[in-house]
Protein backbone atom coordinates (compact mmCIF):
# COMPACT_ATOMS: atom_id res chain seq x y z
CA MET A 1 -34.09 100.76 -165.68
CA ALA A 2 -34.66 98.96 -168.97
CA VAL A 3 -35.75 95.83 -167.10
CA ARG A 4 -38.16 97.85 -165.03
CA ILE A 5 -39.67 99.59 -168.07
CA ALA A 6 -40.03 96.29 -169.94
CA CYS A 7 -41.75 94.67 -166.96
CA ILE A 8 -44.10 97.62 -166.58
CA GLY A 9 -44.93 97.32 -170.29
CA VAL A 10 -45.72 93.61 -169.94
CA LEU A 11 -47.80 94.28 -166.83
CA VAL A 12 -49.82 97.06 -168.49
CA PHE A 13 -50.31 94.93 -171.62
CA ALA A 14 -51.64 91.99 -169.60
CA LEU A 15 -53.96 94.15 -167.51
CA ALA A 16 -55.29 96.06 -170.54
CA TYR A 17 -55.83 92.82 -172.45
CA MET A 18 -57.79 91.37 -169.52
CA ALA A 19 -59.80 94.56 -169.08
CA THR A 20 -60.88 94.54 -172.72
CA ALA A 21 -61.88 90.89 -172.36
CA MET A 22 -63.92 91.34 -169.18
CA PHE A 23 -65.70 94.62 -169.88
CA PRO A 24 -67.79 95.58 -172.94
CA ILE A 25 -65.37 98.24 -174.19
CA PRO A 26 -66.11 99.11 -177.84
CA LEU A 27 -63.25 97.83 -179.99
CA PRO A 28 -62.69 97.04 -183.66
CA VAL A 29 -64.24 93.65 -184.42
CA PHE A 30 -63.84 91.67 -187.63
CA ASP A 31 -66.89 89.91 -189.03
CA PRO A 32 -65.59 87.18 -191.37
CA ARG A 33 -69.04 86.36 -192.77
CA ALA A 34 -69.61 89.92 -194.03
CA ASP A 35 -65.87 90.64 -194.47
CA VAL A 36 -66.17 94.00 -192.64
CA TRP A 37 -64.72 95.71 -189.57
CA ILE A 38 -67.17 97.15 -187.03
CA TRP A 39 -66.99 98.75 -183.57
CA ALA A 40 -68.70 96.60 -180.97
CA GLY A 41 -68.70 96.13 -177.22
CA ARG A 42 -70.13 92.63 -177.25
CA PRO A 43 -69.53 90.88 -180.59
CA GLU A 44 -71.62 88.07 -182.01
CA PRO A 45 -70.25 84.52 -181.65
CA ALA A 46 -68.71 84.39 -185.15
CA GLN A 47 -67.08 87.84 -184.92
CA MET A 48 -63.42 88.13 -183.94
CA ARG A 49 -62.53 90.65 -181.26
CA TYR A 50 -58.96 89.42 -180.79
CA PHE A 51 -57.35 91.98 -183.12
CA GLY A 52 -59.06 94.90 -181.38
CA GLN A 53 -58.08 93.59 -177.95
CA LEU A 54 -54.49 93.13 -179.05
CA ALA A 55 -54.31 96.64 -180.54
CA ALA A 56 -55.84 98.24 -177.43
CA ALA A 57 -53.43 96.41 -175.12
CA LEU A 58 -50.42 97.37 -177.25
CA LEU A 59 -51.49 101.02 -177.33
CA ALA A 60 -51.98 101.02 -173.55
CA ALA A 61 -48.54 99.51 -172.99
CA LEU A 62 -46.91 102.02 -175.34
CA ALA A 63 -48.83 104.93 -173.77
CA VAL A 64 -47.44 104.02 -170.35
CA THR A 65 -43.91 102.89 -171.18
CA ALA A 66 -42.95 105.58 -173.73
CA PRO A 67 -43.14 108.47 -171.21
CA LEU A 68 -41.39 106.33 -168.58
CA ALA A 69 -38.56 105.48 -170.96
CA ARG A 70 -38.15 109.15 -171.85
CA MET A 71 -38.29 110.20 -168.20
CA TRP A 72 -35.86 107.52 -166.96
CA ARG A 73 -33.51 107.77 -169.98
CA ASP A 74 -31.00 110.06 -168.28
CA ARG A 75 -30.80 108.16 -165.01
CA PRO A 76 -27.67 106.09 -164.38
CA GLN A 77 -27.91 102.37 -165.14
CA GLY A 78 -27.34 100.22 -162.10
CA ALA A 79 -27.27 96.54 -161.32
CA THR A 80 -30.51 94.59 -161.13
CA THR A 81 -32.07 95.33 -157.79
CA ALA A 82 -34.77 93.77 -155.70
CA VAL A 83 -37.23 96.28 -157.16
CA ASP A 84 -36.45 95.05 -160.68
CA ARG A 85 -37.04 91.46 -159.56
CA LEU A 86 -40.33 92.55 -158.00
CA PHE A 87 -41.44 94.19 -161.25
CA ALA A 88 -40.48 91.00 -163.11
CA ALA A 89 -42.51 88.90 -160.67
CA TRP A 90 -45.57 91.13 -161.07
CA ALA A 91 -45.25 90.97 -164.85
CA ALA A 92 -44.98 87.17 -164.75
CA VAL A 93 -48.00 86.85 -162.45
CA ALA A 94 -50.12 89.17 -164.61
CA SER A 95 -49.16 87.23 -167.74
CA ALA A 96 -49.92 83.90 -166.05
CA LEU A 97 -53.34 85.15 -164.92
CA CYS A 98 -54.09 86.37 -168.44
CA LEU A 99 -53.13 82.97 -169.89
CA ALA A 100 -55.14 81.11 -167.25
CA TYR A 101 -58.20 83.27 -167.94
CA TYR A 102 -58.09 82.48 -171.64
CA ALA A 103 -57.35 78.81 -171.08
CA TRP A 104 -60.39 78.63 -168.78
CA HIS A 105 -62.75 80.43 -171.17
CA ASN A 106 -61.56 78.60 -174.28
CA TRP A 107 -61.59 75.14 -172.78
CA PRO A 108 -63.90 72.88 -174.79
């Protein structure tokens, strides 16, 4: 079960990180020129949205995996099954798509 919960956490993190990148969701943004934090959906070019995206994705992953871990805590631990390998594959694909998206958008 621990493998399954970890894979679900990685999958939710990757999807939440991509969602905050693609849609104008208001997040904390750091403006290094003014040295202030603001809430913005679409930041200016010099403003850094990375920290807000990272925090939102971490909170989403924790919000999903914490109840699952508590719910599945009392179930017996078994050997790695095909379902666990499927969750691992989905987590790997979601992470690869997230990395490819950022490589594409940050390419010079």
